[in-house]
Protein backbone atom coordinates (compact mmCIF):
# COMPACT_ATOMS: atom_id res chain seq x y z
CA UNK A 1 132.33 108.83 79.16
CA UNK A 2 131.61 108.78 83.14
CA UNK A 3 135.25 106.83 83.81
CA UNK A 4 136.81 109.76 81.84
CA UNK A 5 135.33 112.46 84.05
CA UNK A 6 136.40 110.72 86.99
CA UNK A 7 139.96 110.75 85.82
CA UNK A 8 139.79 114.41 84.75
CA UNK A 9 138.03 115.22 87.85
CA UNK A 10 140.97 113.84 89.52
CA UNK A 11 143.84 115.12 87.29
CA UNK A 12 142.48 118.72 87.55
CA UNK A 13 142.08 118.30 91.99
CA UNK A 14 146.01 117.36 91.71
CA UNK A 15 144.81 113.64 93.11
CA UNK A 16 142.53 114.17 95.52
CA UNK A 17 138.83 112.87 94.98
CA UNK A 18 136.37 115.61 94.04
CA UNK A 19 133.07 115.26 96.46
CA UNK A 20 133.18 112.00 96.73
CA UNK A 21 131.59 108.96 95.07
CA UNK A 22 128.17 110.11 94.32
CA UNK A 23 128.99 114.00 93.32
CA UNK A 24 128.70 115.85 90.42
CA UNK A 25 131.40 115.47 88.56
CA UNK A 26 131.49 119.76 86.62
CA UNK A 27 127.89 120.00 86.59
CA UNK A 28 127.14 116.52 85.31
CA UNK A 29 125.37 114.37 87.44
CA UNK A 30 126.99 110.93 87.92
CA UNK A 31 123.91 108.15 86.78
CA UNK A 32 126.14 105.05 85.55
CA UNK A 33 129.12 103.96 86.28
CA UNK A 34 130.13 103.53 82.89
CA UNK A 35 128.87 104.42 79.28
CA UNK A 36 126.39 101.49 79.09
CA UNK A 37 123.42 103.72 80.09
CA UNK A 38 123.78 105.92 77.00
CA UNK A 39 122.78 103.09 74.57
CA UNK A 40 119.54 103.18 77.04
CA UNK A 41 118.84 106.64 76.88
CA UNK A 42 119.17 107.21 73.58
CA UNK A 43 117.37 103.69 72.37
CA UNK A 44 114.46 105.43 74.21
CA UNK A 45 114.32 107.83 72.15
CA UNK A 46 114.91 105.59 69.23
CA UNK A 47 111.77 104.09 70.58
CA UNK A 48 109.74 107.00 70.66
CA UNK A 49 110.67 108.52 66.93
CA UNK A 50 109.91 104.74 65.66
CA UNK A 51 106.47 104.99 67.58
CA UNK A 52 105.94 108.26 65.26
CA UNK A 53 107.44 106.73 62.20
CA UNK A 54 110.42 109.58 62.93
CA UNK A 55 112.92 107.13 62.87
CA UNK A 56 115.96 107.48 60.37
CA UNK A 57 116.89 104.51 58.32
CA UNK A 58 119.94 102.48 58.49
CA UNK A 59 121.60 104.10 56.04
CA UNK A 60 120.90 107.07 57.23
CA UNK A 61 121.94 106.28 60.53
CA UNK A 62 125.41 105.34 59.17
CA UNK A 63 125.23 109.08 57.19
CA UNK A 64 124.75 110.15 60.79
CA UNK A 65 127.25 108.85 62.43
CA UNK A 66 130.02 110.44 60.04
CA UNK A 67 129.04 113.43 60.24
CA UNK A 68 128.83 113.74 64.02
CA UNK A 69 132.16 112.40 64.25
CA UNK A 70 132.99 115.09 61.58
CA UNK A 71 131.35 117.77 64.23
CA UNK A 72 132.91 116.99 66.78
CA UNK A 73 136.58 117.23 65.24
CA UNK A 74 134.91 120.93 63.80
CA UNK A 75 134.75 121.29 67.70
CA UNK A 76 138.00 120.86 68.14
CA UNK A 77 139.46 122.93 65.12
CA UNK A 78 137.38 125.43 66.86
CA UNK A 79 138.58 125.39 70.42
CA UNK A 80 142.20 125.04 68.85
CA UNK A 81 141.95 128.27 66.66
CA UNK A 82 139.93 130.40 69.54
CA UNK A 83 139.70 129.10 72.77
CA UNK A 84 143.21 128.33 73.64
CA UNK A 85 144.24 129.89 76.90
CA UNK A 86 148.00 130.81 78.33
CA UNK A 87 148.85 127.90 78.70
CA UNK A 88 148.11 126.07 75.49
CA UNK A 89 144.95 123.72 76.93
CA UNK A 90 141.58 124.14 75.77
CA UNK A 91 138.56 124.45 77.74
CA UNK A 92 137.20 121.47 79.20
CA UNK A 93 133.55 121.99 78.32
CA UNK A 94 135.40 121.75 74.65
CA UNK A 95 136.61 117.88 75.47
CA UNK A 96 133.53 116.37 77.24
CA UNK A 97 130.88 118.17 73.89
CA UNK A 98 133.56 116.46 71.43
CA UNK A 99 133.56 112.82 73.69
CA UNK A 100 129.58 113.16 73.52
CA UNK A 101 128.98 113.91 69.95
CA UNK A 102 131.50 111.15 68.96
CA UNK A 103 129.84 108.74 71.85
CA UNK A 104 126.25 109.33 69.68
CA UNK A 105 127.92 109.09 66.20
CA UNK A 106 129.52 105.62 67.43
CA UNK A 107 126.02 104.48 68.44
CA UNK A 108 125.10 105.28 65.07
CA UNK A 109 127.36 103.43 63.34
CA UNK A 110 128.74 100.08 65.49
CA UNK A 111 125.78 98.47 66.50
CA UNK A 112 123.74 99.38 63.60
CA UNK A 113 126.22 98.29 61.43
CA UNK A 114 126.72 94.88 63.40
CA UNK A 115 122.69 94.24 63.04
CA UNK A 116 122.42 94.76 59.05
CA UNK A 117 125.56 92.60 58.69
CA UNK A 118 123.39 90.11 60.06
CA UNK A 119 120.60 91.30 57.96
CA UNK A 120 121.92 91.65 55.02
CA UNK A 121 124.27 89.01 54.80
CA UNK A 122 123.30 85.52 53.36
CA UNK A 123 122.26 83.09 56.26
CA UNK A 124 125.21 80.11 55.75
CA UNK A 125 127.94 83.42 55.48
CA UNK A 126 126.34 85.76 58.57
CA UNK A 127 129.58 84.93 60.75
CA UNK A 128 132.25 86.06 57.57
CA UNK A 129 130.27 89.04 57.64
CA UNK A 130 130.44 89.65 61.16
CA UNK A 131 134.61 88.89 60.90
CA UNK A 132 134.35 91.29 58.07
CA UNK A 133 132.78 93.83 60.18
CA UNK A 134 135.05 93.64 62.79
CA UNK A 135 137.96 93.23 60.67
CA UNK A 136 137.13 96.68 58.95
CA UNK A 137 137.05 98.07 63.14
CA UNK A 138 140.52 96.99 63.74
CA UNK A 139 141.45 98.63 59.83
CA UNK A 140 140.36 101.62 61.13
CA UNK A 141 142.03 101.35 64.36
CA UNK A 142 145.50 100.73 62.41
CA UNK A 143 144.89 103.58 60.10
CA UNK A 144 143.51 105.66 63.07
CA UNK A 145 147.30 104.82 64.64
CA UNK A 146 149.47 105.42 61.38
CA UNK A 147 147.58 108.95 61.67
CA UNK A 148 148.41 109.56 64.84
CA UNK A 149 151.87 108.62 64.19
CA UNK A 150 152.10 111.57 62.38
CA UNK A 151 150.80 114.11 64.85
CA UNK A 152 154.34 115.40 65.43
CA UNK A 153 154.71 115.95 62.17
CA UNK A 154 152.08 118.89 62.15
CA UNK A 155 153.65 122.34 63.01
CA UNK A 156 149.60 123.47 63.05
CA UNK A 157 147.57 120.98 64.71
CA UNK A 158 144.26 122.29 63.01
CA UNK A 159 145.75 120.75 60.03
CA UNK A 160 145.48 117.51 61.66
CA UNK A 161 141.99 118.04 62.67
CA UNK A 162 140.98 118.97 59.32
CA UNK A 163 141.67 115.95 57.53
CA UNK A 164 139.87 114.40 60.34
CA UNK A 165 136.32 116.46 59.60
CA UNK A 166 136.82 116.14 55.96
CA UNK A 167 136.90 112.31 56.19
CA UNK A 168 133.94 112.45 58.36
CA UNK A 169 131.68 115.49 56.39
CA UNK A 170 132.60 113.83 52.89
CA UNK A 171 131.38 110.24 54.00
CA UNK A 172 128.44 111.50 55.31
CA UNK A 173 127.77 113.62 52.23
CA UNK A 174 128.46 110.54 50.04
CA UNK A 175 126.05 108.17 52.17
CA UNK A 176 123.52 110.56 52.04
CA UNK A 177 124.09 111.24 48.11
CA UNK A 178 123.01 107.22 47.64
CA UNK A 179 120.42 107.24 50.44
CA UNK A 180 117.22 106.45 48.03
CA UNK A 181 119.29 103.20 46.31
CA UNK A 182 120.71 102.31 50.55
CA UNK A 183 117.49 102.24 51.42
CA UNK A 184 115.56 100.57 48.00
CA UNK A 185 118.61 97.95 48.83
CA UNK A 186 118.09 97.44 52.83
CA UNK A 187 114.74 97.53 52.29
CA UNK A 188 114.25 95.11 49.25
CA UNK A 189 116.90 92.53 51.30
CA UNK A 190 114.96 92.69 55.31
CA UNK A 191 111.58 93.64 54.28
CA UNK A 192 112.49 97.20 56.06
CA UNK A 193 112.37 100.38 56.29
């Protein structure tokens, strides 16, 4: 995320550096060299939630991840509808917020999913299950690339983002509609809530 902010800061300043390496970029303090510290910050919150007995179950985290990504694209739809300026650009804060929401959503999906593969797969098939997890990630990347190839076909770009919003929300709602049975499966297989 910070790398992205640096690129934008340099582009916004016509190639110059905005305030040097230790400066705040657009009012956001530069604490880390990359997004690597974000999981640590969120992990600390997860530890506090766990201590209070409020840490969401793994299936709930999956649902939250999909809902967060749907919410991020909903914000882009809002920006494209109401915030486009006369140069046909949207404000920087919307992109920053979208990346932040999507990063949190991704943290609810990727590391937790890989961990669950190792917990739920039979011991002899853990490697195969992890390969399947990474294969599904690559298939998702391919589908995203194919969808992006249709970008120019959309005269109204909001429709493109509406498809992404619908996918995130429908996926999250489907998971939440089956949350009790999914929690029971995880509990039966791992002994954890």
